[in-house]
């Protein structure tokens, strides 16, 4: 029996579906056309912002305005001129996003305020999403998980959790995370049982395993 931290109450029974995003390899590349690189970044930024807005609107309709505020917070970060300005002046784009967003995330994580610490997770989430847009790497389609799924992951970002369809996901289990994270808050709002911080989870569960989550 595996044990973790209760993040959303309830009992879930279903088949394990392991969700793993493809790892991104970010390198500093030589840029010959700085203006074109800035435009490439702006294109990825616009796409990420549009998809975030759609997630926020969907959450507001399905769950509530309060829960949608989590993704609206992502939109505010994406529209922050200080953040985007630093990235534009530090091109190559993917590497600049890595450096600038990680700096901001580390700053948020070092703060005593719990709300600001959550911003660190949000910043890392939007960092990865922008990089995926730039590299043309598709994210896992959480919305297409089959009925009776127990979603198993190393960790869940707020944007991934926001795309879950509760009628298909009977429970969530993650190796990392905490009960005050934005992902846990969304799981509770969606009324999906969730257990987080399960040690060595990814080495002990395989796709198709029947899981009973309490």
N, C-alpha and C. Protein backbone atom coordinates (compact mmCIF):
# COMPACT_ATOMS: atom_id res chain seq x y z
N UNK A 1 0.85 -1.19 0.00
CA UNK A 1 0.00 0.00 0.00
C UNK A 1 0.89 1.25 0.00
N UNK A 2 0.59 2.16 -0.89
CA UNK A 2 1.33 3.41 -0.97
C UNK A 2 0.58 4.50 -0.21
N UNK A 3 1.33 5.38 0.43
CA UNK A 3 0.71 6.44 1.21
C UNK A 3 1.25 7.80 0.79
N UNK A 4 0.37 8.81 0.86
CA UNK A 4 0.77 10.16 0.54
C UNK A 4 -0.04 11.15 1.36
N UNK A 5 -0.21 12.34 0.82
CA UNK A 5 -0.93 13.42 1.49
C UNK A 5 -2.27 13.64 0.83
N UNK A 6 -3.31 13.70 1.64
CA UNK A 6 -4.65 13.97 1.12
C UNK A 6 -4.73 15.39 0.56
N UNK A 7 -5.02 15.50 -0.75
CA UNK A 7 -5.16 16.81 -1.37
C UNK A 7 -6.61 17.11 -1.74
N UNK A 8 -7.39 16.05 -1.97
CA UNK A 8 -8.82 16.21 -2.29
C UNK A 8 -9.52 14.94 -1.85
N UNK A 9 -10.52 15.07 -0.97
CA UNK A 9 -11.11 13.90 -0.33
C UNK A 9 -11.99 13.09 -1.29
N UNK A 10 -12.19 11.83 -0.92
CA UNK A 10 -13.04 10.95 -1.72
C UNK A 10 -12.35 9.64 -2.02
N UNK A 11 -13.09 8.74 -2.64
CA UNK A 11 -12.57 7.43 -3.04
C UNK A 11 -12.66 7.30 -4.55
N UNK A 12 -11.56 6.89 -5.16
CA UNK A 12 -11.54 6.69 -6.61
C UNK A 12 -11.04 5.31 -6.95
N UNK A 13 -11.69 4.67 -7.90
CA UNK A 13 -11.27 3.34 -8.37
C UNK A 13 -11.18 3.38 -9.88
N UNK A 14 -10.06 2.95 -10.42
CA UNK A 14 -9.93 2.96 -11.87
C UNK A 14 -8.59 2.41 -12.33
N UNK A 15 -8.31 2.57 -13.61
CA UNK A 15 -7.07 2.08 -14.21
C UNK A 15 -6.05 3.21 -14.31
N UNK A 16 -4.82 2.89 -13.93
CA UNK A 16 -3.76 3.90 -13.95
C UNK A 16 -3.44 4.31 -15.38
N UNK A 17 -3.36 5.62 -15.59
CA UNK A 17 -2.84 6.18 -16.84
C UNK A 17 -1.71 7.13 -16.45
N UNK A 18 -0.49 6.75 -16.82
CA UNK A 18 0.67 7.56 -16.46
C UNK A 18 0.82 8.71 -17.44
N UNK A 19 0.88 9.90 -16.90
CA UNK A 19 1.00 11.11 -17.71
C UNK A 19 2.41 11.67 -17.54
N UNK A 20 3.17 11.67 -18.61
CA UNK A 20 4.52 12.20 -18.59
C UNK A 20 4.73 13.10 -19.79
N UNK A 21 5.10 14.33 -19.54
CA UNK A 21 5.40 15.25 -20.62
C UNK A 21 6.79 14.96 -21.18
N UNK A 22 6.96 15.13 -22.47
CA UNK A 22 8.28 14.97 -23.08
C UNK A 22 9.24 16.00 -22.53
N UNK A 23 10.41 15.54 -22.10
CA UNK A 23 11.39 16.47 -21.51
C UNK A 23 11.95 17.40 -22.58
N UNK A 24 12.02 18.67 -22.25
CA UNK A 24 12.55 19.67 -23.17
C UNK A 24 14.04 19.84 -22.94
N UNK A 25 14.80 19.91 -24.03
CA UNK A 25 16.24 20.16 -23.95
C UNK A 25 16.48 21.59 -24.43
N UNK A 26 16.86 22.47 -23.52
CA UNK A 26 17.02 23.88 -23.85
C UNK A 26 18.51 24.22 -23.87
N UNK A 27 18.99 24.68 -25.02
CA UNK A 27 20.39 25.06 -25.18
C UNK A 27 20.49 26.51 -25.65
N UNK A 28 21.60 27.13 -25.34
CA UNK A 28 21.84 28.49 -25.82
C UNK A 28 22.39 28.40 -27.24
N UNK A 29 21.63 28.93 -28.19
CA UNK A 29 22.02 28.88 -29.59
C UNK A 29 22.46 30.26 -30.07
N UNK A 30 23.32 30.27 -31.12
CA UNK A 30 23.72 31.53 -31.73
C UNK A 30 22.58 32.08 -32.57
N UNK A 31 22.25 33.34 -32.37
CA UNK A 31 21.14 33.97 -33.10
C UNK A 31 21.70 35.00 -34.08
N UNK A 32 21.37 34.82 -35.35
CA UNK A 32 21.86 35.75 -36.37
C UNK A 32 20.88 36.89 -36.64
N UNK A 33 19.61 36.63 -36.44
CA UNK A 33 18.59 37.65 -36.70
C UNK A 33 17.80 37.88 -35.42
N UNK A 34 18.24 38.86 -34.63
CA UNK A 34 17.62 39.11 -33.33
C UNK A 34 16.16 39.53 -33.46
N UNK A 35 15.87 40.34 -34.48
CA UNK A 35 14.49 40.82 -34.67
C UNK A 35 13.55 39.66 -34.97
N UNK A 36 14.00 38.71 -35.80
CA UNK A 36 13.18 37.55 -36.13
C UNK A 36 12.98 36.67 -34.90
N UNK A 37 13.99 36.58 -34.05
CA UNK A 37 13.90 35.77 -32.84
C UNK A 37 12.89 36.38 -31.86
N UNK A 38 12.89 37.70 -31.77
CA UNK A 38 11.91 38.39 -30.91
C UNK A 38 10.49 38.11 -31.41
N UNK A 39 10.30 38.18 -32.72
CA UNK A 39 8.98 37.91 -33.29
C UNK A 39 8.56 36.46 -33.05
N UNK A 40 9.53 35.55 -33.10
CA UNK A 40 9.23 34.14 -32.82
C UNK A 40 8.76 33.98 -31.38
N UNK A 41 9.42 34.68 -30.47
CA UNK A 41 8.99 34.64 -29.07
C UNK A 41 7.59 35.23 -28.90
N UNK A 42 7.34 36.37 -29.56
CA UNK A 42 6.04 37.02 -29.43
C UNK A 42 4.92 36.10 -29.95
N UNK A 43 5.21 35.34 -31.00
CA UNK A 43 4.22 34.41 -31.52
C UNK A 43 3.88 33.32 -30.51
N UNK A 44 4.92 32.77 -29.86
CA UNK A 44 4.71 31.74 -28.83
C UNK A 44 3.98 32.33 -27.63
N UNK A 45 4.32 33.55 -27.27
CA UNK A 45 3.67 34.22 -26.15
C UNK A 45 2.18 34.42 -26.42
N UNK A 46 1.87 34.87 -27.63
CA UNK A 46 0.46 35.10 -27.99
C UNK A 46 -0.34 33.80 -27.96
N UNK A 47 0.26 32.71 -28.47
CA UNK A 47 -0.43 31.41 -28.47
C UNK A 47 -0.65 30.91 -27.04
N UNK A 48 0.37 31.05 -26.20
CA UNK A 48 0.24 30.61 -24.81
C UNK A 48 -0.82 31.43 -24.09
N UNK A 49 -0.83 32.73 -24.34
CA UNK A 49 -1.81 33.61 -23.71
C UNK A 49 -3.22 33.25 -24.16
N UNK A 50 -3.40 32.97 -25.46
CA UNK A 50 -4.71 32.61 -25.99
C UNK A 50 -5.22 31.31 -25.35
N UNK A 51 -4.35 30.30 -25.27
CA UNK A 51 -4.75 29.02 -24.69
C UNK A 51 -5.04 29.14 -23.20
N UNK A 52 -4.31 30.01 -22.52
CA UNK A 52 -4.55 30.24 -21.10
C UNK A 52 -5.90 30.92 -20.89
N UNK A 53 -6.21 31.87 -21.76
CA UNK A 53 -7.51 32.55 -21.69
C UNK A 53 -8.65 31.56 -21.90
N UNK A 54 -8.46 30.62 -22.83
CA UNK A 54 -9.48 29.60 -23.08
C UNK A 54 -9.65 28.69 -21.87
N UNK A 55 -8.54 28.33 -21.21
CA UNK A 55 -8.61 27.51 -20.00
C UNK A 55 -9.36 28.24 -18.89
N UNK A 56 -9.07 29.53 -18.74
CA UNK A 56 -9.73 30.33 -17.71
C UNK A 56 -11.22 30.42 -17.96
N UNK A 57 -11.60 30.66 -19.21
CA UNK A 57 -13.02 30.77 -19.56
C UNK A 57 -13.74 29.44 -19.35
N UNK A 58 -13.07 28.34 -19.69
CA UNK A 58 -13.66 27.01 -19.51
C UNK A 58 -13.86 26.70 -18.03
N UNK A 59 -12.84 27.04 -17.21
CA UNK A 59 -12.96 26.82 -15.77
C UNK A 59 -14.08 27.66 -15.17
N UNK A 60 -14.21 28.90 -15.62
CA UNK A 60 -15.26 29.78 -15.10
C UNK A 60 -16.64 29.20 -15.38
N UNK A 61 -16.79 28.58 -16.55
CA UNK A 61 -18.08 28.01 -16.96
C UNK A 61 -18.36 26.70 -16.22
N UNK A 62 -17.35 25.82 -16.14
CA UNK A 62 -17.54 24.48 -15.58
C UNK A 62 -17.48 24.46 -14.06
N UNK A 63 -16.63 25.31 -13.48
CA UNK A 63 -16.37 25.21 -12.04
C UNK A 63 -16.77 26.49 -11.31
N UNK A 64 -16.20 27.61 -11.72
CA UNK A 64 -16.55 28.87 -11.05
C UNK A 64 -15.50 29.94 -11.28
N UNK A 65 -15.89 31.18 -11.06
CA UNK A 65 -15.00 32.31 -11.29
C UNK A 65 -13.78 32.26 -10.37
N UNK A 66 -13.97 31.82 -9.13
CA UNK A 66 -12.86 31.79 -8.17
C UNK A 66 -11.75 30.86 -8.67
N UNK A 67 -12.13 29.70 -9.17
CA UNK A 67 -11.13 28.74 -9.67
C UNK A 67 -10.48 29.26 -10.95
N UNK A 68 -11.25 29.99 -11.76
CA UNK A 68 -10.70 30.55 -13.00
C UNK A 68 -9.62 31.59 -12.71
N UNK A 69 -9.64 32.17 -11.51
CA UNK A 69 -8.65 33.18 -11.14
C UNK A 69 -7.22 32.61 -11.17
N UNK A 70 -7.08 31.29 -10.98
CA UNK A 70 -5.76 30.68 -11.03
C UNK A 70 -5.15 30.86 -12.41
N UNK A 71 -5.92 30.56 -13.46
CA UNK A 71 -5.41 30.72 -14.81
C UNK A 71 -5.36 32.19 -15.22
N UNK A 72 -6.23 33.00 -14.66
CA UNK A 72 -6.15 34.44 -14.91
C UNK A 72 -4.86 35.00 -14.34
N UNK A 73 -4.39 34.41 -13.24
CA UNK A 73 -3.10 34.80 -12.68
C UNK A 73 -1.96 34.48 -13.65
N UNK A 74 -2.08 33.35 -14.36
CA UNK A 74 -1.09 33.01 -15.38
C UNK A 74 -1.09 34.06 -16.49
N UNK A 75 -2.28 34.52 -16.86
CA UNK A 75 -2.39 35.55 -17.90
C UNK A 75 -1.68 36.84 -17.47
N UNK A 76 -1.83 37.20 -16.21
CA UNK A 76 -1.18 38.40 -15.70
C UNK A 76 0.34 38.28 -15.78
N UNK A 77 0.86 37.09 -15.46
CA UNK A 77 2.30 36.86 -15.56
C UNK A 77 2.76 36.96 -17.01
N UNK A 78 1.99 36.38 -17.92
CA UNK A 78 2.35 36.40 -19.33
C UNK A 78 2.31 37.80 -19.93
N UNK A 79 1.50 38.67 -19.34
CA UNK A 79 1.38 40.03 -19.86
C UNK A 79 2.26 41.03 -19.11
N UNK A 80 3.06 40.54 -18.17
CA UNK A 80 3.92 41.43 -17.38
C UNK A 80 5.03 41.98 -18.28
N UNK A 81 5.05 43.30 -18.54
CA UNK A 81 6.05 43.86 -19.46
C UNK A 81 7.48 43.70 -18.97
N UNK A 82 7.69 43.64 -17.65
CA UNK A 82 9.04 43.44 -17.12
C UNK A 82 9.56 42.06 -17.49
N UNK A 83 8.69 41.06 -17.32
CA UNK A 83 9.06 39.67 -17.65
C UNK A 83 9.34 39.53 -19.14
N UNK A 84 8.39 39.95 -19.97
CA UNK A 84 8.54 39.77 -21.42
C UNK A 84 9.68 40.63 -21.96
N UNK A 85 9.87 41.81 -21.37
CA UNK A 85 10.95 42.68 -21.82
C UNK A 85 12.32 42.07 -21.57
N UNK A 86 12.48 41.44 -20.41
CA UNK A 86 13.75 40.78 -20.10
C UNK A 86 14.03 39.65 -21.07
N UNK A 87 13.00 38.90 -21.44
CA UNK A 87 13.18 37.79 -22.37
C UNK A 87 13.57 38.32 -23.76
N UNK A 88 12.90 39.37 -24.19
CA UNK A 88 13.18 39.93 -25.52
C UNK A 88 14.60 40.46 -25.65
N UNK A 89 15.16 40.95 -24.56
CA UNK A 89 16.52 41.51 -24.62
C UNK A 89 17.59 40.45 -24.36
N UNK A 90 17.18 39.22 -24.09
CA UNK A 90 18.14 38.16 -23.78
C UNK A 90 18.06 37.01 -24.78
N UNK A 91 17.61 37.31 -26.00
CA UNK A 91 17.43 36.30 -27.03
C UNK A 91 18.78 35.64 -27.31
N UNK A 92 18.86 34.27 -27.41
CA UNK A 92 17.93 33.31 -28.01
C UNK A 92 16.72 32.97 -27.12
N UNK A 93 15.57 32.82 -27.79
CA UNK A 93 14.30 32.86 -27.09
C UNK A 93 14.09 31.74 -26.07
N UNK A 94 14.25 30.47 -26.49
CA UNK A 94 14.00 29.37 -25.57
C UNK A 94 14.91 29.46 -24.33
N UNK A 95 16.18 29.78 -24.57
CA UNK A 95 17.13 29.88 -23.47
C UNK A 95 16.80 31.09 -22.59
N UNK A 96 16.38 32.19 -23.22
CA UNK A 96 16.00 33.39 -22.46
C UNK A 96 14.80 33.12 -21.58
N UNK A 97 13.81 32.41 -22.11
CA UNK A 97 12.64 32.04 -21.32
C UNK A 97 13.07 31.20 -20.12
N UNK A 98 13.97 30.25 -20.35
CA UNK A 98 14.48 29.38 -19.28
C UNK A 98 15.13 30.21 -18.17
N UNK A 99 16.03 31.11 -18.58
CA UNK A 99 16.80 31.87 -17.61
C UNK A 99 15.94 32.87 -16.84
N UNK A 100 15.14 33.65 -17.57
CA UNK A 100 14.36 34.71 -16.94
C UNK A 100 13.24 34.13 -16.06
N UNK A 101 12.49 33.16 -16.59
CA UNK A 101 11.38 32.59 -15.81
C UNK A 101 11.88 31.83 -14.59
N UNK A 102 13.01 31.14 -14.72
CA UNK A 102 13.57 30.42 -13.57
C UNK A 102 14.01 31.40 -12.49
N UNK A 103 14.58 32.53 -12.89
CA UNK A 103 14.98 33.55 -11.92
C UNK A 103 13.76 34.06 -11.14
N UNK A 104 12.68 34.36 -11.86
CA UNK A 104 11.46 34.83 -11.20
C UNK A 104 10.87 33.73 -10.31
N UNK A 105 10.86 32.49 -10.80
CA UNK A 105 10.30 31.38 -10.01
C UNK A 105 11.08 31.19 -8.71
N UNK A 106 12.40 31.26 -8.80
CA UNK A 106 13.23 31.11 -7.60
C UNK A 106 12.98 32.25 -6.61
N UNK A 107 12.76 33.45 -7.15
CA UNK A 107 12.47 34.60 -6.29
C UNK A 107 11.14 34.39 -5.55
N UNK A 108 10.11 33.96 -6.28
CA UNK A 108 8.82 33.70 -5.65
C UNK A 108 8.93 32.60 -4.60
N UNK A 109 9.67 31.55 -4.93
CA UNK A 109 9.80 30.41 -4.01
C UNK A 109 10.50 30.79 -2.71
N UNK A 110 11.35 31.80 -2.74
CA UNK A 110 12.11 32.21 -1.56
C UNK A 110 11.30 33.10 -0.62
N UNK A 111 10.11 33.53 -1.03
CA UNK A 111 9.31 34.43 -0.21
C UNK A 111 8.57 33.68 0.89
N UNK A 112 8.28 34.37 1.98
CA UNK A 112 7.60 33.74 3.12
C UNK A 112 6.10 33.58 2.88
N UNK A 113 5.54 34.43 2.04
CA UNK A 113 4.10 34.40 1.78
C UNK A 113 3.74 33.18 0.93
N UNK A 114 2.77 32.37 1.42
CA UNK A 114 2.41 31.12 0.72
C UNK A 114 1.84 31.38 -0.66
N UNK A 115 1.04 32.45 -0.80
CA UNK A 115 0.47 32.80 -2.10
C UNK A 115 1.56 33.10 -3.11
N UNK A 116 2.58 33.84 -2.69
CA UNK A 116 3.68 34.16 -3.59
C UNK A 116 4.50 32.91 -3.93
N UNK A 117 4.61 31.98 -2.98
CA UNK A 117 5.32 30.73 -3.26
C UNK A 117 4.61 29.93 -4.35
N UNK A 118 3.26 30.00 -4.37
CA UNK A 118 2.50 29.33 -5.43
C UNK A 118 2.81 29.93 -6.79
N UNK A 119 3.18 31.21 -6.80
CA UNK A 119 3.53 31.86 -8.06
C UNK A 119 4.75 31.22 -8.70
N UNK A 120 5.61 30.59 -7.88
CA UNK A 120 6.78 29.91 -8.42
C UNK A 120 6.35 28.76 -9.33
N UNK A 121 5.35 27.98 -8.86
CA UNK A 121 4.82 26.88 -9.68
C UNK A 121 4.16 27.43 -10.93
N UNK A 122 3.41 28.52 -10.79
CA UNK A 122 2.76 29.13 -11.95
C UNK A 122 3.80 29.58 -12.98
N UNK A 123 4.89 30.19 -12.50
CA UNK A 123 5.92 30.68 -13.41
C UNK A 123 6.59 29.53 -14.15
N UNK A 124 6.87 28.44 -13.46
CA UNK A 124 7.49 27.29 -14.13
C UNK A 124 6.53 26.67 -15.14
N UNK A 125 5.25 26.72 -14.82
CA UNK A 125 4.23 26.20 -15.73
C UNK A 125 4.22 26.99 -17.03
N UNK A 126 4.13 28.32 -16.94
CA UNK A 126 4.06 29.12 -18.17
C UNK A 126 5.39 29.10 -18.92
N UNK A 127 6.50 28.94 -18.18
CA UNK A 127 7.81 28.81 -18.84
C UNK A 127 7.81 27.61 -19.78
N UNK A 128 7.39 26.46 -19.26
CA UNK A 128 7.39 25.24 -20.06
C UNK A 128 6.40 25.33 -21.21
N UNK A 129 5.25 25.94 -20.97
CA UNK A 129 4.24 26.05 -22.02
C UNK A 129 4.72 26.93 -23.17
N UNK A 130 5.38 28.05 -22.85
CA UNK A 130 5.93 28.90 -23.92
C UNK A 130 7.02 28.18 -24.69
N UNK A 131 7.88 27.45 -23.99
CA UNK A 131 8.95 26.73 -24.67
C UNK A 131 8.39 25.65 -25.59
N UNK A 132 7.33 24.98 -25.16
CA UNK A 132 6.71 23.96 -26.01
C UNK A 132 6.15 24.59 -27.29
N UNK A 133 5.55 25.76 -27.16
CA UNK A 133 5.04 26.45 -28.34
C UNK A 133 6.18 26.79 -29.30
N UNK A 134 7.30 27.24 -28.77
CA UNK A 134 8.43 27.64 -29.61
C UNK A 134 9.06 26.44 -30.30
N UNK A 135 9.10 25.31 -29.60
CA UNK A 135 9.75 24.11 -30.14
C UNK A 135 8.79 23.23 -30.93
N UNK A 136 7.50 23.57 -30.91
CA UNK A 136 6.52 22.76 -31.63
C UNK A 136 6.28 21.40 -30.98
N UNK A 137 6.44 21.33 -29.65
CA UNK A 137 6.24 20.07 -28.92
C UNK A 137 4.83 20.07 -28.34
N UNK A 138 4.05 19.07 -28.70
CA UNK A 138 2.69 18.96 -28.22
C UNK A 138 2.65 18.55 -26.75
N UNK A 139 1.75 19.16 -25.99
CA UNK A 139 1.54 18.75 -24.61
C UNK A 139 0.60 17.55 -24.56
N UNK A 140 0.65 16.81 -23.48
CA UNK A 140 -0.28 15.69 -23.29
C UNK A 140 -1.71 16.23 -23.26
N UNK A 141 -2.59 15.56 -24.00
CA UNK A 141 -3.99 15.99 -24.06
C UNK A 141 -4.75 15.39 -22.88
N UNK A 142 -4.75 16.10 -21.77
CA UNK A 142 -5.41 15.62 -20.55
C UNK A 142 -6.91 15.42 -20.77
N UNK A 143 -7.50 16.26 -21.61
CA UNK A 143 -8.95 16.21 -21.82
C UNK A 143 -9.40 14.91 -22.49
N UNK A 144 -8.47 14.19 -23.13
CA UNK A 144 -8.86 12.99 -23.88
C UNK A 144 -8.66 11.69 -23.10
N UNK A 145 -8.35 11.78 -21.81
CA UNK A 145 -8.18 10.57 -21.00
C UNK A 145 -9.48 9.77 -20.98
N UNK A 146 -9.40 8.42 -21.03
CA UNK A 146 -10.61 7.60 -21.06
C UNK A 146 -11.33 7.58 -19.71
N UNK A 147 -12.61 7.25 -19.75
CA UNK A 147 -13.40 7.14 -18.52
C UNK A 147 -12.79 6.08 -17.60
N UNK A 148 -12.89 6.31 -16.29
CA UNK A 148 -12.35 5.37 -15.32
C UNK A 148 -10.86 5.49 -15.12
N UNK A 149 -10.28 6.65 -15.46
CA UNK A 149 -8.84 6.86 -15.32
C UNK A 149 -8.46 7.28 -13.91
N UNK A 150 -7.41 6.68 -13.39
CA UNK A 150 -6.69 7.23 -12.24
C UNK A 150 -5.42 7.86 -12.83
N UNK A 151 -5.37 9.17 -12.80
CA UNK A 151 -4.25 9.89 -13.41
C UNK A 151 -3.04 9.82 -12.49
N UNK A 152 -1.93 9.30 -13.03
CA UNK A 152 -0.70 9.13 -12.26
C UNK A 152 0.38 9.98 -12.90
N UNK A 153 1.04 10.82 -12.10
CA UNK A 153 2.05 11.71 -12.65
C UNK A 153 3.10 12.05 -11.61
N UNK A 154 4.27 12.46 -12.09
CA UNK A 154 5.29 12.97 -11.19
C UNK A 154 4.75 14.19 -10.45
N UNK A 155 4.15 15.09 -11.19
CA UNK A 155 3.50 16.26 -10.63
C UNK A 155 2.51 16.76 -11.67
N UNK A 156 1.54 17.56 -11.25
CA UNK A 156 0.58 18.15 -12.17
C UNK A 156 0.68 19.66 -12.07
N UNK A 157 0.78 20.30 -13.22
CA UNK A 157 0.78 21.76 -13.24
C UNK A 157 -0.67 22.25 -13.18
N UNK A 158 -0.86 23.51 -12.79
CA UNK A 158 -2.22 24.06 -12.80
C UNK A 158 -2.89 23.97 -14.17
N UNK A 159 -2.13 24.24 -15.24
CA UNK A 159 -2.74 24.22 -16.58
C UNK A 159 -3.17 22.81 -16.98
N UNK A 160 -2.41 21.79 -16.58
CA UNK A 160 -2.81 20.41 -16.87
C UNK A 160 -4.07 20.05 -16.09
N UNK A 161 -4.10 20.39 -14.81
CA UNK A 161 -5.26 20.07 -13.97
C UNK A 161 -6.52 20.75 -14.48
N UNK A 162 -6.37 21.98 -14.97
CA UNK A 162 -7.52 22.75 -15.47
C UNK A 162 -8.17 22.08 -16.67
N UNK A 163 -7.41 21.27 -17.42
CA UNK A 163 -7.95 20.63 -18.62
C UNK A 163 -8.61 19.29 -18.35
N UNK A 164 -8.60 18.81 -17.11
CA UNK A 164 -9.17 17.50 -16.79
C UNK A 164 -10.69 17.53 -16.89
N UNK A 165 -11.25 16.48 -17.47
CA UNK A 165 -12.70 16.29 -17.49
C UNK A 165 -13.07 15.35 -16.34
N UNK A 166 -13.76 15.85 -15.31
CA UNK A 166 -14.05 15.04 -14.12
C UNK A 166 -14.82 13.75 -14.41
N UNK A 167 -15.61 13.75 -15.47
CA UNK A 167 -16.38 12.54 -15.78
C UNK A 167 -15.48 11.39 -16.24
N UNK A 168 -14.24 11.71 -16.64
CA UNK A 168 -13.32 10.67 -17.11
C UNK A 168 -12.26 10.29 -16.09
N UNK A 169 -12.00 11.18 -15.13
CA UNK A 169 -10.90 10.95 -14.18
C UNK A 169 -11.47 10.65 -12.79
N UNK A 170 -11.24 9.42 -12.34
CA UNK A 170 -11.78 8.98 -11.05
C UNK A 170 -10.88 9.36 -9.88
N UNK A 171 -9.65 9.75 -10.17
CA UNK A 171 -8.73 10.12 -9.11
C UNK A 171 -7.40 10.59 -9.67
N UNK A 172 -6.63 11.24 -8.82
CA UNK A 172 -5.31 11.77 -9.19
C UNK A 172 -4.31 11.34 -8.12
N UNK A 173 -3.16 10.82 -8.55
CA UNK A 173 -2.07 10.48 -7.63
C UNK A 173 -0.77 11.05 -8.21
N UNK A 174 -0.02 11.78 -7.38
CA UNK A 174 1.24 12.34 -7.84
C UNK A 174 2.37 12.07 -6.85
N UNK A 175 3.57 12.05 -7.38
CA UNK A 175 4.75 11.81 -6.55
C UNK A 175 5.16 13.07 -5.79
N UNK A 176 4.89 14.23 -6.39
CA UNK A 176 5.23 15.51 -5.78
C UNK A 176 3.95 16.29 -5.46
N UNK A 177 4.12 17.53 -5.02
CA UNK A 177 2.97 18.40 -4.78
C UNK A 177 2.55 18.46 -3.33
N UNK A 178 1.66 19.41 -3.06
CA UNK A 178 1.16 19.59 -1.70
C UNK A 178 -0.31 19.95 -1.72
N UNK A 179 -0.96 19.91 -0.57
CA UNK A 179 -2.41 20.12 -0.50
C UNK A 179 -2.80 21.58 -0.70
N UNK A 180 -1.84 22.50 -0.63
CA UNK A 180 -2.17 23.91 -0.86
C UNK A 180 -1.81 24.38 -2.26
N UNK A 181 -1.31 23.48 -3.10
CA UNK A 181 -0.92 23.87 -4.46
C UNK A 181 -2.15 24.22 -5.29
N UNK A 182 -1.94 24.99 -6.34
CA UNK A 182 -3.05 25.34 -7.23
C UNK A 182 -3.67 24.11 -7.87
N UNK A 183 -2.85 23.10 -8.16
CA UNK A 183 -3.38 21.86 -8.74
C UNK A 183 -4.31 21.16 -7.74
N UNK A 184 -3.93 21.15 -6.47
CA UNK A 184 -4.77 20.53 -5.44
C UNK A 184 -6.07 21.31 -5.27
N UNK A 185 -5.97 22.64 -5.31
CA UNK A 185 -7.17 23.48 -5.20
C UNK A 185 -8.13 23.18 -6.34
N UNK A 186 -7.59 23.03 -7.54
CA UNK A 186 -8.45 22.73 -8.70
C UNK A 186 -9.04 21.33 -8.58
N UNK A 187 -8.28 20.37 -8.09
CA UNK A 187 -8.79 19.01 -7.92
C UNK A 187 -9.98 19.01 -6.95
N UNK A 188 -9.87 19.78 -5.88
CA UNK A 188 -10.98 19.87 -4.93
C UNK A 188 -12.20 20.54 -5.56
N UNK A 189 -11.95 21.58 -6.34
CA UNK A 189 -13.05 22.29 -7.01
C UNK A 189 -13.75 21.39 -8.02
N UNK A 190 -12.96 20.53 -8.69
CA UNK A 190 -13.52 19.60 -9.66
C UNK A 190 -14.11 18.35 -9.00
N UNK A 191 -13.93 18.25 -7.67
CA UNK A 191 -14.42 17.12 -6.87
C UNK A 191 -13.83 15.79 -7.33
N UNK A 192 -12.51 15.84 -7.59
CA UNK A 192 -11.77 14.63 -7.97
C UNK A 192 -10.87 14.23 -6.80
N UNK A 193 -11.02 13.02 -6.25
CA UNK A 193 -10.14 12.57 -5.16
C UNK A 193 -8.67 12.65 -5.60
N UNK A 194 -7.81 13.14 -4.71
CA UNK A 194 -6.41 13.28 -5.07
C UNK A 194 -5.51 13.02 -3.87
N UNK A 195 -4.43 12.27 -4.13
CA UNK A 195 -3.39 12.03 -3.14
C UNK A 195 -2.07 12.47 -3.77
N UNK A 196 -1.33 13.31 -3.04
CA UNK A 196 -0.06 13.83 -3.56
C UNK A 196 1.08 13.42 -2.64
N UNK A 197 2.31 13.72 -3.08
CA UNK A 197 3.52 13.44 -2.30
C UNK A 197 3.62 11.96 -1.92
N UNK A 198 3.42 11.09 -2.92
CA UNK A 198 3.57 9.64 -2.71
C UNK A 198 5.00 9.25 -3.08
N UNK A 199 5.83 8.85 -2.13
CA UNK A 199 7.24 8.56 -2.42
C UNK A 199 7.41 7.45 -3.46
N UNK A 200 8.31 7.70 -4.42
CA UNK A 200 8.71 6.69 -5.42
C UNK A 200 7.53 6.16 -6.24
N UNK A 201 6.50 6.98 -6.39
CA UNK A 201 5.28 6.54 -7.08
C UNK A 201 5.56 6.04 -8.49
N UNK A 202 6.34 6.80 -9.26
CA UNK A 202 6.50 6.51 -10.69
C UNK A 202 7.25 5.20 -10.95
N UNK A 203 7.98 4.72 -9.95
CA UNK A 203 8.68 3.46 -10.11
C UNK A 203 7.85 2.26 -9.68
N UNK A 204 6.67 2.52 -9.11
CA UNK A 204 5.87 1.42 -8.57
C UNK A 204 4.53 1.21 -9.26
N UNK A 205 4.17 2.11 -10.16
CA UNK A 205 2.88 2.01 -10.84
C UNK A 205 3.11 1.93 -12.35
N UNK A 206 2.34 1.07 -13.01
CA UNK A 206 2.41 0.94 -14.47
C UNK A 206 1.04 1.23 -15.07
N UNK A 207 1.04 1.63 -16.34
CA UNK A 207 -0.21 1.83 -17.06
C UNK A 207 -1.10 0.59 -16.97
N UNK A 208 -2.37 0.80 -16.65
CA UNK A 208 -3.31 -0.31 -16.61
C UNK A 208 -3.48 -0.93 -15.23
N UNK A 209 -2.57 -0.62 -14.29
CA UNK A 209 -2.77 -1.11 -12.93
C UNK A 209 -4.11 -0.63 -12.38
N UNK A 210 -4.82 -1.53 -11.70
CA UNK A 210 -6.07 -1.11 -11.05
C UNK A 210 -5.70 -0.44 -9.73
N UNK A 211 -6.18 0.77 -9.53
CA UNK A 211 -5.85 1.52 -8.33
C UNK A 211 -7.09 1.88 -7.55
N UNK A 212 -7.01 1.68 -6.24
CA UNK A 212 -8.07 2.15 -5.34
C UNK A 212 -7.45 3.28 -4.53
N UNK A 213 -8.02 4.46 -4.66
CA UNK A 213 -7.49 5.67 -4.02
C UNK A 213 -8.46 6.12 -2.95
N UNK A 214 -7.95 6.30 -1.74
CA UNK A 214 -8.78 6.74 -0.62
C UNK A 214 -8.09 7.92 0.04
